[in-house]
Amino acid sequence: MILRELRKQLSVQTHPNSQGKEFMNDFHTTSTQMLEKVSDFFESSWPQADVDLLEDTLTITLPNKCQYVINKHGVTQQIWLASPFTGAHHFYLKEGEWQCTRTGICLEDLILNERNTYAARV
């Protein structure tokens, strides 16, 4: 009985965002959909960019050789984005939007802002 209670406590502490296997399936489904959406955005708005989506990682190489790397991070249930312009960002799913853990901006807005701000540089 004590061991069972300890396992419950450790499980909650180790995975505070997790709600079991069903939640992880939702994370993988929604994060994959977001990676595909971002991939489509780059292919349509920066046609000269090289866009590669392989498994859980999206790599976008811009014409000036700068790169975005966007990937799913299952342990934290986040999407991690490395921008050549603004550095690292981590996003978690909140109320149907992938929101930055530092600024609260949603993933789509960040990418659109960067596209509008930095497009002339590449």
PDB file of N, CA and C in Angstrom:
ATOM      1  N   MET A   1       0.813  -1.195   0.000  1.00  0.00           N
ATOM      2  CA  MET A   1       0.000   0.000   0.000  1.00  0.00           C
ATOM      3  C   MET A   1       0.863   1.268   0.000  1.00  0.00           C
ATOM      4  N   ILE A   2       1.880   1.323   0.849  1.00  0.00           N
ATOM      5  CA  ILE A   2       2.758   2.490   0.901  1.00  0.00           C
ATOM      6  C   ILE A   2       3.510   2.631  -0.419  1.00  0.00           C
ATOM      7  N   LEU A   3       3.975   1.521  -0.971  1.00  0.00           N
ATOM      8  CA  LEU A   3       4.689   1.552  -2.242  1.00  0.00           C
ATOM      9  C   LEU A   3       3.793   2.078  -3.355  1.00  0.00           C
ATOM     10  N   ARG A   4       2.531   1.676  -3.390  1.00  0.00           N
ATOM     11  CA  ARG A   4       1.586   2.147  -4.394  1.00  0.00           C
ATOM     12  C   ARG A   4       1.384   3.656  -4.284  1.00  0.00           C
ATOM     13  N   GLU A   5       1.252   4.174  -3.056  1.00  0.00           N
ATOM     14  CA  GLU A   5       1.088   5.613  -2.847  1.00  0.00           C
ATOM     15  C   GLU A   5       2.335   6.370  -3.274  1.00  0.00           C
ATOM     16  N   LEU A   6       3.509   5.819  -2.973  1.00  0.00           N
ATOM     17  CA  LEU A   6       4.761   6.459  -3.369  1.00  0.00           C
ATOM     18  C   LEU A   6       4.872   6.522  -4.889  1.00  0.00           C
ATOM     19  N   ARG A   7       4.502   5.447  -5.581  1.00  0.00           N
ATOM     20  CA  ARG A   7       4.527   5.445  -7.050  1.00  0.00           C
ATOM     21  C   ARG A   7       3.601   6.518  -7.607  1.00  0.00           C
ATOM     22  N   LYS A   8       2.422   6.664  -7.016  1.00  0.00           N
ATOM     23  CA  LYS A   8       1.481   7.698  -7.468  1.00  0.00           C
ATOM     24  C   LYS A   8       2.100   9.083  -7.321  1.00  0.00           C
ATOM     25  N   GLN A   9       2.708   9.337  -6.172  1.00  0.00           N
ATOM     26  CA  GLN A   9       3.322  10.636  -5.928  1.00  0.00           C
ATOM     27  C   GLN A   9       4.465  10.892  -6.903  1.00  0.00           C
ATOM     28  N   LEU A  10       5.315   9.902  -7.109  1.00  0.00           N
ATOM     29  CA  LEU A  10       6.442  10.064  -8.035  1.00  0.00           C
ATOM     30  C   LEU A  10       5.944  10.282  -9.446  1.00  0.00           C
ATOM     31  N   SER A  11       4.907   9.566  -9.831  1.00  0.00           N
ATOM     32  CA  SER A  11       4.359   9.718 -11.175  1.00  0.00           C
ATOM     33  C   SER A  11       3.850  11.135 -11.387  1.00  0.00           C
ATOM     34  N   VAL A  12       3.157  11.683 -10.426  1.00  0.00           N
ATOM     35  CA  VAL A  12       2.636  13.042 -10.547  1.00  0.00           C
ATOM     36  C   VAL A  12       3.779  14.036 -10.587  1.00  0.00           C
ATOM     37  N   GLN A  13       4.805  13.858  -9.750  1.00  0.00           N
ATOM     38  CA  GLN A  13       5.926  14.782  -9.715  1.00  0.00           C
ATOM     39  C   GLN A  13       6.755  14.697 -10.980  1.00  0.00           C
ATOM     40  N   THR A  14       6.931  13.510 -11.521  1.00  0.00           N
ATOM     41  CA  THR A  14       7.761  13.334 -12.702  1.00  0.00           C
ATOM     42  C   THR A  14       7.079  13.861 -13.947  1.00  0.00           C
ATOM     43  N   HIS A  15       5.778  13.702 -14.055  1.00  0.00           N
ATOM     44  CA  HIS A  15       5.033  14.104 -15.244  1.00  0.00           C
ATOM     45  C   HIS A  15       3.841  14.970 -14.849  1.00  0.00           C
ATOM     46  N   PRO A  16       4.089  16.217 -14.434  1.00  0.00           N
ATOM     47  CA  PRO A  16       2.985  17.041 -13.943  1.00  0.00           C
ATOM     48  C   PRO A  16       1.942  17.365 -15.000  1.00  0.00           C
ATOM     49  N   ASN A  17       2.308  17.362 -16.292  1.00  0.00           N
ATOM     50  CA  ASN A  17       1.349  17.685 -17.343  1.00  0.00           C
ATOM     51  C   ASN A  17       0.639  16.450 -17.882  1.00  0.00           C
ATOM     52  N   SER A  18       1.119  15.298 -17.505  1.00  0.00           N
ATOM     53  CA  SER A  18       0.613  14.069 -18.095  1.00  0.00           C
ATOM     54  C   SER A  18      -0.698  13.639 -17.457  1.00  0.00           C
ATOM     55  N   GLN A  19      -1.574  13.117 -18.283  1.00  0.00           N
ATOM     56  CA  GLN A  19      -2.825  12.554 -17.799  1.00  0.00           C
ATOM     57  C   GLN A  19      -2.972  11.144 -18.351  1.00  0.00           C
ATOM     58  N   GLY A  20      -1.854  10.445 -18.452  1.00  0.00           N
ATOM     59  CA  GLY A  20      -1.864   9.072 -18.912  1.00  0.00           C
ATOM     60  C   GLY A  20      -1.621   8.946 -20.404  1.00  0.00           C
ATOM     61  N   LYS A  21      -1.773   7.715 -20.872  1.00  0.00           N
ATOM     62  CA  LYS A  21      -1.486   7.373 -22.261  1.00  0.00           C
ATOM     63  C   LYS A  21      -2.367   8.150 -23.241  1.00  0.00           C
ATOM     64  N   GLU A  22      -3.617   8.363 -22.885  1.00  0.00           N
ATOM     65  CA  GLU A  22      -4.537   9.089 -23.758  1.00  0.00           C
ATOM     66  C   GLU A  22      -4.049  10.523 -24.008  1.00  0.00           C
ATOM     67  N   PHE A  23      -3.544  11.176 -22.951  1.00  0.00           N
ATOM     68  CA  PHE A  23      -3.033  12.540 -23.095  1.00  0.00           C
ATOM     69  C   PHE A  23      -1.807  12.555 -24.011  1.00  0.00           C
ATOM     70  N   MET A  24      -0.917  11.567 -23.869  1.00  0.00           N
ATOM     71  CA  MET A  24       0.265  11.508 -24.730  1.00  0.00           C
ATOM     72  C   MET A  24      -0.140  11.316 -26.188  1.00  0.00           C
ATOM     73  N   ASN A  25      -1.160  10.498 -26.446  1.00  0.00           N
ATOM     74  CA  ASN A  25      -1.636  10.330 -27.816  1.00  0.00           C
ATOM     75  C   ASN A  25      -2.162  11.645 -28.359  1.00  0.00           C
ATOM     76  N   ASP A  26      -2.898  12.398 -27.531  1.00  0.00           N
ATOM     77  CA  ASP A  26      -3.381  13.714 -27.946  1.00  0.00           C
ATOM     78  C   ASP A  26      -2.217  14.646 -28.239  1.00  0.00           C
ATOM     79  N   PHE A  27      -1.194  14.622 -27.387  1.00  0.00           N
ATOM     80  CA  PHE A  27      -0.019  15.462 -27.606  1.00  0.00           C
ATOM     81  C   PHE A  27       0.622  15.129 -28.944  1.00  0.00           C
ATOM     82  N   HIS A  28       0.843  13.855 -29.199  1.00  0.00           N
ATOM     83  CA  HIS A  28       1.504  13.469 -30.450  1.00  0.00           C
ATOM     84  C   HIS A  28       0.651  13.838 -31.664  1.00  0.00           C
ATOM     85  N   THR A  29      -0.643  13.661 -31.561  1.00  0.00           N
ATOM     86  CA  THR A  29      -1.527  14.007 -32.675  1.00  0.00           C
ATOM     87  C   THR A  29      -1.534  15.503 -32.934  1.00  0.00           C
ATOM     88  N   THR A  30      -1.751  16.295 -31.888  1.00  0.00           N
ATOM     89  CA  THR A  30      -1.842  17.743 -32.089  1.00  0.00           C
ATOM     90  C   THR A  30      -0.492  18.357 -32.446  1.00  0.00           C
ATOM     91  N   SER A  31       0.586  17.853 -31.877  1.00  0.00           N
ATOM     92  CA  SER A  31       1.907  18.401 -32.209  1.00  0.00           C
ATOM     93  C   SER A  31       2.310  18.030 -33.633  1.00  0.00           C
ATOM     94  N   THR A  32       1.959  16.837 -34.085  1.00  0.00           N
ATOM     95  CA  THR A  32       2.238  16.453 -35.472  1.00  0.00           C
ATOM     96  C   THR A  32       1.445  17.335 -36.428  1.00  0.00           C
ATOM     97  N   GLN A  33       0.190  17.587 -36.101  1.00  0.00           N
ATOM     98  CA  GLN A  33      -0.624  18.474 -36.940  1.00  0.00           C
ATOM     99  C   GLN A  33      -0.010  19.872 -37.010  1.00  0.00           C
ATOM    100  N   MET A  34       0.514  20.366 -35.883  1.00  0.00           N
ATOM    101  CA  MET A  34       1.129  21.689 -35.873  1.00  0.00           C
ATOM    102  C   MET A  34       2.409  21.697 -36.719  1.00  0.00           C
ATOM    103  N   LEU A  35       3.226  20.672 -36.618  1.00  0.00           N
ATOM    104  CA  LEU A  35       4.436  20.614 -37.439  1.00  0.00           C
ATOM    105  C   LEU A  35       4.084  20.605 -38.924  1.00  0.00           C
ATOM    106  N   GLU A  36       3.049  19.878 -39.290  1.00  0.00           N
ATOM    107  CA  GLU A  36       2.614  19.841 -40.688  1.00  0.00           C
ATOM    108  C   GLU A  36       2.095  21.210 -41.133  1.00  0.00           C
ATOM    109  N   LYS A  37       1.362  21.886 -40.253  1.00  0.00           N
ATOM    110  CA  LYS A  37       0.840  23.221 -40.561  1.00  0.00           C
ATOM    111  C   LYS A  37       1.987  24.218 -40.755  1.00  0.00           C
ATOM    112  N   VAL A  38       2.987  24.173 -39.892  1.00  0.00           N
ATOM    113  CA  VAL A  38       4.147  25.068 -40.003  1.00  0.00           C
ATOM    114  C   VAL A  38       4.930  24.746 -41.273  1.00  0.00           C
ATOM    115  N   SER A  39       5.072  23.474 -41.580  1.00  0.00           N
ATOM    116  CA  SER A  39       5.752  23.056 -42.812  1.00  0.00           C
ATOM    117  C   SER A  39       5.052  23.630 -44.038  1.00  0.00           C
ATOM    118  N   ASP A  40       3.734  23.505 -44.079  1.00  0.00           N
ATOM    119  CA  ASP A  40       2.955  24.055 -45.199  1.00  0.00           C
ATOM    120  C   ASP A  40       3.112  25.571 -45.291  1.00  0.00           C
ATOM    121  N   PHE A  41       3.129  26.249 -44.127  1.00  0.00           N
ATOM    122  CA  PHE A  41       3.291  27.698 -44.116  1.00  0.00           C
ATOM    123  C   PHE A  41       4.624  28.105 -44.750  1.00  0.00           C
ATOM    124  N   PHE A  42       5.694  27.457 -44.332  1.00  0.00           N
ATOM    125  CA  PHE A  42       7.008  27.811 -44.886  1.00  0.00           C
ATOM    126  C   PHE A  42       7.095  27.499 -46.379  1.00  0.00           C
ATOM    127  N   GLU A  43       6.522  26.376 -46.790  1.00  0.00           N
ATOM    128  CA  GLU A  43       6.571  26.025 -48.210  1.00  0.00           C
ATOM    129  C   GLU A  43       5.805  27.022 -49.066  1.00  0.00           C
ATOM    130  N   SER A  44       4.712  27.563 -48.528  1.00  0.00           N
ATOM    131  CA  SER A  44       3.919  28.504 -49.326  1.00  0.00           C
ATOM    132  C   SER A  44       4.416  29.946 -49.206  1.00  0.00           C
ATOM    133  N   SER A  45       4.938  30.339 -48.050  1.00  0.00           N
ATOM    134  CA  SER A  45       5.317  31.741 -47.881  1.00  0.00           C
ATOM    135  C   SER A  45       6.798  32.017 -48.126  1.00  0.00           C
ATOM    136  N   TRP A  46       7.619  31.011 -48.041  1.00  0.00           N
ATOM    137  CA  TRP A  46       9.041  31.131 -48.357  1.00  0.00           C
ATOM    138  C   TRP A  46       9.385  30.014 -49.338  1.00  0.00           C
ATOM    139  N   PRO A  47       8.900  30.106 -50.578  1.00  0.00           N
ATOM    140  CA  PRO A  47       9.075  28.996 -51.521  1.00  0.00           C
ATOM    141  C   PRO A  47      10.535  28.659 -51.803  1.00  0.00           C
ATOM    142  N   GLN A  48      11.427  29.608 -51.593  1.00  0.00           N
ATOM    143  CA  GLN A  48      12.845  29.340 -51.834  1.00  0.00           C
ATOM    144  C   GLN A  48      13.508  28.619 -50.657  1.00  0.00           C
ATOM    145  N   ALA A  49      12.791  28.408 -49.563  1.00  0.00           N
ATOM    146  CA  ALA A  49      13.322  27.695 -48.400  1.00  0.00           C
ATOM    147  C   ALA A  49      13.280  26.189 -48.639  1.00  0.00           C
ATOM    148  N   ASP A  50      14.217  25.479 -48.025  1.00  0.00           N
ATOM    149  CA  ASP A  50      14.247  24.021 -48.064  1.00  0.00           C
ATOM    150  C   ASP A  50      13.562  23.519 -46.797  1.00  0.00           C
ATOM    151  N   VAL A  51      12.422  22.860 -46.946  1.00  0.00           N
ATOM    152  CA  VAL A  51      11.601  22.431 -45.810  1.00  0.00           C
ATOM    153  C   VAL A  51      11.619  20.905 -45.745  1.00  0.00           C
ATOM    154  N   ASP A  52      12.064  20.381 -44.592  1.00  0.00           N
ATOM    155  CA  ASP A  52      12.134  18.932 -44.392  1.00  0.00           C
ATOM    156  C   ASP A  52      11.443  18.553 -43.094  1.00  0.00           C
ATOM    157  N   LEU A  53      10.413  17.731 -43.189  1.00  0.00           N
ATOM    158  CA  LEU A  53       9.726  17.207 -42.021  1.00  0.00           C
ATOM    159  C   LEU A  53      10.009  15.712 -41.953  1.00  0.00           C
ATOM    160  N   LEU A  54      10.839  15.340 -40.995  1.00  0.00           N
ATOM    161  CA  LEU A  54      11.200  13.940 -40.806  1.00  0.00           C
ATOM    162  C   LEU A  54      10.834  13.529 -39.388  1.00  0.00           C
ATOM    163  N   GLU A  55       9.878  12.615 -39.291  1.00  0.00           N
ATOM    164  CA  GLU A  55       9.361  12.133 -38.018  1.00  0.00           C
ATOM    165  C   GLU A  55       8.922  13.289 -37.128  1.00  0.00           C
ATOM    166  N   ASP A  56       9.639  13.555 -36.043  1.00  0.00           N
ATOM    167  CA  ASP A  56       9.206  14.569 -35.083  1.00  0.00           C
ATOM    168  C   ASP A  56       9.969  15.875 -35.204  1.00  0.00           C
ATOM    169  N   THR A  57      10.732  16.054 -36.278  1.00  0.00           N
ATOM    170  CA  THR A  57      11.565  17.243 -36.431  1.00  0.00           C
ATOM    171  C   THR A  57      11.334  17.910 -37.776  1.00  0.00           C
ATOM    172  N   LEU A  58      11.106  19.208 -37.731  1.00  0.00           N
ATOM    173  CA  LEU A  58      10.941  20.031 -38.928  1.00  0.00           C
ATOM    174  C   LEU A  58      12.162  20.942 -39.030  1.00  0.00           C
ATOM    175  N   THR A  59      12.864  20.856 -40.144  1.00  0.00           N
ATOM    176  CA  THR A  59      14.028  21.703 -40.379  1.00  0.00           C
ATOM    177  C   THR A  59      13.755  22.563 -41.598  1.00  0.00           C
ATOM    178  N   ILE A  60      13.913  23.872 -41.431  1.00  0.00           N
ATOM    179  CA  ILE A  60      13.708  24.815 -42.532  1.00  0.00           C
ATOM    180  C   ILE A  60      15.018  25.546 -42.748  1.00  0.00           C
ATOM    181  N   THR A  61      15.585  25.398 -43.935  1.00  0.00           N
ATOM    182  CA  THR A  61      16.809  26.101 -44.279  1.00  0.00           C
ATOM    183  C   THR A  61      16.435  27.219 -45.238  1.00  0.00           C
ATOM    184  N   LEU A  62      16.673  28.448 -44.805  1.00  0.00           N
ATOM    185  CA  LEU A  62      16.353  29.621 -45.610  1.00  0.00           C
ATOM    186  C   LEU A  62      17.442  29.836 -46.661  1.00  0.00           C
ATOM    187  N   PRO A  63      17.167  30.631 -47.693  1.00  0.00           N
ATOM    188  CA  PRO A  63      18.139  30.837 -48.763  1.00  0.00           C
ATOM    189  C   PRO A  63      19.507  31.348 -48.288  1.00  0.00           C
ATOM    190  N   ASN A  64      19.534  32.089 -47.178  1.00  0.00           N
ATOM    191  CA  ASN A  64      20.807  32.595 -46.661  1.00  0.00           C
ATOM    192  C   ASN A  64      21.497  31.578 -45.756  1.00  0.00           C
ATOM    193  N   LYS A  65      20.986  30.346 -45.743  1.00  0.00           N
ATOM    194  CA  LYS A  65      21.513  29.210 -44.979  1.00  0.00           C
ATOM    195  C   LYS A  65      21.199  29.258 -43.489  1.00  0.00           C
ATOM    196  N   CYS A  66      20.414  30.225 -43.036  1.00  0.00           N
ATOM    197  CA  CYS A  66      19.923  30.224 -41.658  1.00  0.00           C
ATOM    198  C   CYS A  66      18.898  29.097 -41.532  1.00  0.00           C
ATOM    199  N   GLN A  67      18.806  28.522 -40.338  1.00  0.00           N
ATOM    200  CA  GLN A  67      17.891  27.402 -40.146  1.00  0.00           C
ATOM    201  C   GLN A  67      16.956  27.588 -38.960  1.00  0.00           C
ATOM    202  N   TYR A  68      15.739  27.138 -39.166  1.00  0.00           N
ATOM    203  CA  TYR A  68      14.798  26.895 -38.079  1.00  0.00           C
ATOM    204  C   TYR A  68      14.841  25.396 -37.817  1.00  0.00           C
ATOM    205  N   VAL A  69      14.788  25.019 -36.556  1.00  0.00           N
ATOM    206  CA  VAL A  69      14.601  23.619 -36.190  1.00  0.00           C
ATOM    207  C   VAL A  69      13.450  23.596 -35.200  1.00  0.00           C
ATOM    208  N   ILE A  70      12.422  22.834 -35.541  1.00  0.00           N
ATOM    209  CA  ILE A  70      11.218  22.748 -34.711  1.00  0.00           C
ATOM    210  C   ILE A  70      10.952  21.267 -34.463  1.00  0.00           C
ATOM    211  N   ASN A  71      10.824  20.906 -33.188  1.00  0.00           N
ATOM    212  CA  ASN A  71      10.596  19.498 -32.906  1.00  0.00           C
ATOM    213  C   ASN A  71       9.664  19.296 -31.718  1.00  0.00           C
ATOM    214  N   LYS A  72       9.123  18.086 -31.669  1.00  0.00           N
ATOM    215  CA  LYS A  72       8.269  17.692 -30.553  1.00  0.00           C
ATOM    216  C   LYS A  72       9.175  17.207 -29.427  1.00  0.00           C
ATOM    217  N   HIS A  73       8.863  17.613 -28.215  1.00  0.00           N
ATOM    218  CA  HIS A  73       9.591  17.145 -27.045  1.00  0.00           C
ATOM    219  C   HIS A  73       8.587  16.438 -26.144  1.00  0.00           C
ATOM    220  N   GLY A  74       8.527  15.128 -26.313  1.00  0.00           N
ATOM    221  CA  GLY A  74       7.508  14.335 -25.641  1.00  0.00           C
ATOM    222  C   GLY A  74       7.580  14.346 -24.129  1.00  0.00           C
ATOM    223  N   VAL A  75       8.774  14.399 -23.573  1.00  0.00           N
ATOM    224  CA  VAL A  75       8.926  14.354 -22.116  1.00  0.00           C
ATOM    225  C   VAL A  75       8.212  15.537 -21.463  1.00  0.00           C
ATOM    226  N   THR A  76       8.365  16.721 -22.033  1.00  0.00           N
ATOM    227  CA  THR A  76       7.725  17.913 -21.475  1.00  0.00           C
ATOM    228  C   THR A  76       6.393  18.220 -22.148  1.00  0.00           C
ATOM    229  N   GLN A  77       6.063  17.452 -23.191  1.00  0.00           N
ATOM    230  CA  GLN A  77       4.846  17.653 -23.977  1.00  0.00           C
ATOM    231  C   GLN A  77       4.801  19.073 -24.534  1.00  0.00           C
ATOM    232  N   GLN A  78       5.924  19.460 -25.140  1.00  0.00           N
ATOM    233  CA  GLN A  78       6.073  20.782 -25.725  1.00  0.00           C
ATOM    234  C   GLN A  78       6.580  20.670 -27.153  1.00  0.00           C
ATOM    235  N   ILE A  79       6.419  21.758 -27.883  1.00  0.00           N
ATOM    236  CA  ILE A  79       7.097  21.928 -29.164  1.00  0.00           C
ATOM    237  C   ILE A  79       8.225  22.910 -28.915  1.00  0.00           C
ATOM    238  N   TRP A  80       9.423  22.530 -29.337  1.00  0.00           N
ATOM    239  CA  TRP A  80      10.589  23.394 -29.173  1.00  0.00           C
ATOM    240  C   TRP A  80      10.957  23.969 -30.527  1.00  0.00           C
ATOM    241  N   LEU A  81      11.244  25.255 -30.554  1.00  0.00           N
ATOM    242  CA  LEU A  81      11.588  25.946 -31.785  1.00  0.00           C
ATOM    243  C   LEU A  81      12.916  26.678 -31.584  1.00  0.00           C
ATOM    244  N   ALA A  82      13.839  26.472 -32.512  1.00  0.00           N
ATOM    245  CA  ALA A  82      15.089  27.237 -32.534  1.00  0.00           C
ATOM    246  C   ALA A  82      15.020  28.138 -33.757  1.00  0.00           C
ATOM    247  N   SER A  83      14.981  29.441 -33.515  1.00  0.00           N
ATOM    248  CA  SER A  83      14.878  30.426 -34.588  1.00  0.00           C
ATOM    249  C   SER A  83      16.247  31.034 -34.866  1.00  0.00           C
ATOM    250  N   PRO A  84      16.589  31.212 -36.141  1.00  0.00           N
ATOM    251  CA  PRO A  84      17.861  31.873 -36.445  1.00  0.00           C
ATOM    252  C   PRO A  84      17.837  33.359 -36.089  1.00  0.00           C
ATOM    253  N   PHE A  85      16.664  33.888 -35.816  1.00  0.00           N
ATOM    254  CA  PHE A  85      16.515  35.322 -35.552  1.00  0.00           C
ATOM    255  C   PHE A  85      16.296  35.638 -34.074  1.00  0.00           C
ATOM    256  N   THR A  86      15.513  34.797 -33.384  1.00  0.00           N
ATOM    257  CA  THR A  86      15.146  35.122 -32.000  1.00  0.00           C
ATOM    258  C   THR A  86      15.521  34.041 -30.994  1.00  0.00           C
ATOM    259  N   GLY A  87      16.213  33.010 -31.425  1.00  0.00           N
ATOM    260  CA  GLY A  87      16.690  31.987 -30.491  1.00  0.00           C
ATOM    261  C   GLY A  87      15.665  30.921 -30.162  1.00  0.00           C
ATOM    262  N   ALA A  88      15.792  30.378 -28.959  1.00  0.00           N
ATOM    263  CA  ALA A  88      14.998  29.216 -28.543  1.00  0.00           C
ATOM    264  C   ALA A  88      13.665  29.630 -27.920  1.00  0.00           C
ATOM    265  N   HIS A  89      12.647  28.844 -28.245  1.00  0.00           N
ATOM    266  CA  HIS A  89      11.306  29.034 -27.691  1.00  0.00           C
ATOM    267  C   HIS A  89      10.715  27.662 -27.397  1.00  0.00           C
ATOM    268  N   HIS A  90       9.971  27.563 -26.298  1.00  0.00           N
ATOM    269  CA  HIS A  90       9.267  26.332 -25.954  1.00  0.00           C
ATOM    270  C   HIS A  90       7.777  26.655 -25.893  1.00  0.00           C
ATOM    271  N   PHE A  91       6.965  25.769 -26.469  1.00  0.00           N
ATOM    272  CA  PHE A  91       5.520  25.984 -26.547  1.00  0.00           C
ATOM    273  C   PHE A  91       4.783  24.812 -25.921  1.00  0.00           C
ATOM    274  N   TYR A  92       3.740  25.132 -25.169  1.00  0.00           N
ATOM    275  CA  TYR A  92       2.880  24.104 -24.598  1.00  0.00           C
ATOM    276  C   TYR A  92       1.458  24.351 -25.081  1.00  0.00           C
ATOM    277  N   LEU A  93       0.681  23.294 -25.113  1.00  0.00           N
ATOM    278  CA  LEU A  93      -0.687  23.386 -25.598  1.00  0.00           C
ATOM    279  C   LEU A  93      -1.595  23.873 -24.477  1.00  0.00           C
ATOM    280  N   LYS A  94      -2.237  25.020 -24.720  1.00  0.00           N
ATOM    281  CA  LYS A  94      -3.159  25.591 -23.736  1.00  0.00           C
ATOM    282  C   LYS A  94      -4.380  26.115 -24.474  1.00  0.00           C
ATOM    283  N   GLU A  95      -5.526  25.575 -24.124  1.00  0.00           N
ATOM    284  CA  GLU A  95      -6.789  25.989 -24.713  1.00  0.00           C
ATOM    285  C   GLU A  95      -6.756  25.977 -26.239  1.00  0.00           C
ATOM    286  N   GLY A  96      -6.149  24.929 -26.790  1.00  0.00           N
ATOM    287  CA  GLY A  96      -6.135  24.742 -28.239  1.00  0.00           C
ATOM    288  C   GLY A  96      -5.062  25.508 -28.985  1.00  0.00           C
ATOM    289  N   GLU A  97      -4.178  26.235 -28.272  1.00  0.00           N
ATOM    290  CA  GLU A  97      -3.102  26.985 -28.914  1.00  0.00           C
ATOM    291  C   GLU A  97      -1.762  26.585 -28.312  1.00  0.00           C
ATOM    292  N   TRP A  98      -0.749  26.579 -29.169  1.00  0.00           N
ATOM    293  CA  TRP A  98       0.615  26.325 -28.702  1.00  0.00           C
ATOM    294  C   TRP A  98       1.194  27.664 -28.259  1.00  0.00           C
ATOM    295  N   GLN A  99       1.332  27.854 -26.947  1.00  0.00           N
ATOM    296  CA  GLN A  99       1.762  29.130 -26.383  1.00  0.00           C
ATOM    297  C   GLN A  99       3.187  29.042 -25.844  1.00  0.00           C
ATOM    298  N   CYS A 100       3.954  30.105 -26.057  1.00  0.00           N
ATOM    299  CA  CYS A 100       5.327  30.178 -25.585  1.00  0.00           C
ATOM    300  C   CYS A 100       5.353  30.204 -24.060  1.00  0.00           C
ATOM    301  N   THR A 101       6.249  29.426 -23.472  1.00  0.00           N
ATOM    302  CA  THR A 101       6.345  29.361 -22.018  1.00  0.00           C
ATOM    303  C   THR A 101       6.891  30.655 -21.420  1.00  0.00           C
ATOM    304  N   ARG A 102       7.609  31.453 -22.206  1.00  0.00           N
ATOM    305  CA  ARG A 102       8.189  32.700 -21.691  1.00  0.00           C
ATOM    306  C   ARG A 102       7.313  33.913 -21.966  1.00  0.00           C
ATOM    307  N   THR A 103       6.810  34.016 -23.188  1.00  0.00           N
ATOM    308  CA  THR A 103       6.119  35.244 -23.595  1.00  0.00           C
ATOM    309  C   THR A 103       4.606  35.094 -23.728  1.00  0.00           C
ATOM    310  N   GLY A 104       4.121  33.868 -23.878  1.00  0.00           N
ATOM    311  CA  GLY A 104       2.695  33.645 -24.063  1.00  0.00           C
ATOM    312  C   GLY A 104       2.230  33.774 -25.502  1.00  0.00           C
ATOM    313  N   ILE A 105       3.125  34.204 -26.413  1.00  0.00           N
ATOM    314  CA  ILE A 105       2.743  34.323 -27.826  1.00  0.00           C
ATOM    315  C   ILE A 105       2.484  32.922 -28.389  1.00  0.00           C
ATOM    316  N   CYS A 106       1.519  32.824 -29.283  1.00  0.00           N
ATOM    317  CA  CYS A 106       1.256  31.510 -29.873  1.00  0.00           C
ATOM    318  C   CYS A 106       2.252  31.252 -31.005  1.00  0.00           C
ATOM    319  N   LEU A 107       2.500  29.988 -31.249  1.00  0.00           N
ATOM    320  CA  LEU A 107       3.506  29.557 -32.225  1.00  0.00           C
ATOM    321  C   LEU A 107       3.267  30.157 -33.599  1.00  0.00           C
ATOM    322  N   GLU A 108       2.022  30.130 -34.057  1.00  0.00           N
ATOM    323  CA  GLU A 108       1.716  30.667 -35.383  1.00  0.00           C
ATOM    324  C   GLU A 108       2.041  32.157 -35.474  1.00  0.00           C
ATOM    325  N   ASP A 109       1.718  32.913 -34.420  1.00  0.00           N
ATOM    326  CA  ASP A 109       1.995  34.351 -34.421  1.00  0.00           C
ATOM    327  C   ASP A 109       3.492  34.637 -34.428  1.00  0.00           C
ATOM    328  N   LEU A 110       4.251  33.870 -33.663  1.00  0.00           N
ATOM    329  CA  LEU A 110       5.695  34.064 -33.646  1.00  0.00           C
ATOM    330  C   LEU A 110       6.284  33.869 -35.035  1.00  0.00           C
ATOM    331  N   ILE A 111       5.897  32.781 -35.685  1.00  0.00           N
ATOM    332  CA  ILE A 111       6.441  32.492 -37.017  1.00  0.00           C
ATOM    333  C   ILE A 111       5.995  33.546 -38.020  1.00  0.00           C
ATOM    334  N   LEU A 112       4.754  33.947 -37.962  1.00  0.00           N
ATOM    335  CA  LEU A 112       4.260  34.973 -38.875  1.00  0.00           C
ATOM    336  C   LEU A 112       4.980  36.306 -38.635  1.00  0.00           C
ATOM    337  N   ASN A 113       5.177  36.680 -37.374  1.00  0.00           N
ATOM    338  CA  ASN A 113       5.913  37.903 -37.058  1.00  0.00           C
ATOM    339  C   ASN A 113       7.344  37.845 -37.599  1.00  0.00           C
ATOM    340  N   GLU A 114       7.986  36.705 -37.424  1.00  0.00           N
ATOM    341  CA  GLU A 114       9.354  36.568 -37.925  1.00  0.00           C
ATOM    342  C   GLU A 114       9.373  36.621 -39.452  1.00  0.00           C
ATOM    343  N   ARG A 115       8.399  36.004 -40.062  1.00  0.00           N
ATOM    344  CA  ARG A 115       8.328  36.036 -41.526  1.00  0.00           C
ATOM    345  C   ARG A 115       8.196  37.476 -42.007  1.00  0.00           C
ATOM    346  N   ASN A 116       7.326  38.234 -41.384  1.00  0.00           N
ATOM    347  CA  ASN A 116       7.098  39.614 -41.791  1.00  0.00           C
ATOM    348  C   ASN A 116       8.292  40.508 -41.471  1.00  0.00           C
ATOM    349  N   THR A 117       8.963  40.256 -40.373  1.00  0.00           N
ATOM    350  CA  THR A 117      10.080  41.099 -39.937  1.00  0.00           C
ATOM    351  C   THR A 117      11.377  40.776 -40.671  1.00  0.00           C
ATOM    352  N   TYR A 118      11.653  39.505 -40.905  1.00  0.00           N
ATOM    353  CA  TYR A 118      12.959  39.112 -41.396  1.00  0.00           C
ATOM    354  C   TYR A 118      12.996  38.649 -42.851  1.00  0.00           C
ATOM    355  N   ALA A 119      11.860  38.606 -43.523  1.00  0.00           N
ATOM    356  CA  ALA A 119      11.807  38.105 -44.895  1.00  0.00           C
ATOM    357  C   ALA A 119      12.750  38.870 -45.820  1.00  0.00           C
ATOM    358  N   ALA A 120      12.871  40.153 -45.611  1.00  0.00           N
ATOM    359  CA  ALA A 120      13.722  40.970 -46.499  1.00  0.00           C
ATOM    360  C   ALA A 120      15.208  40.647 -46.314  1.00  0.00           C
ATOM    361  N   ARG A 121      15.572  40.047 -45.189  1.00  0.00           N
ATOM    362  CA  ARG A 121      16.978  39.746 -44.912  1.00  0.00           C
ATOM    363  C   ARG A 121      17.472  38.479 -45.566  1.00  0.00           C
ATOM    364  N   VAL A 122      16.544  37.635 -46.005  1.00  0.00           N
ATOM    365  CA  VAL A 122      16.979  36.336 -46.558  1.00  0.00           C
ATOM    366  C   VAL A 122      16.836  36.293 -48.066  1.00  0.00           C
TER     367      VAL A 122
END
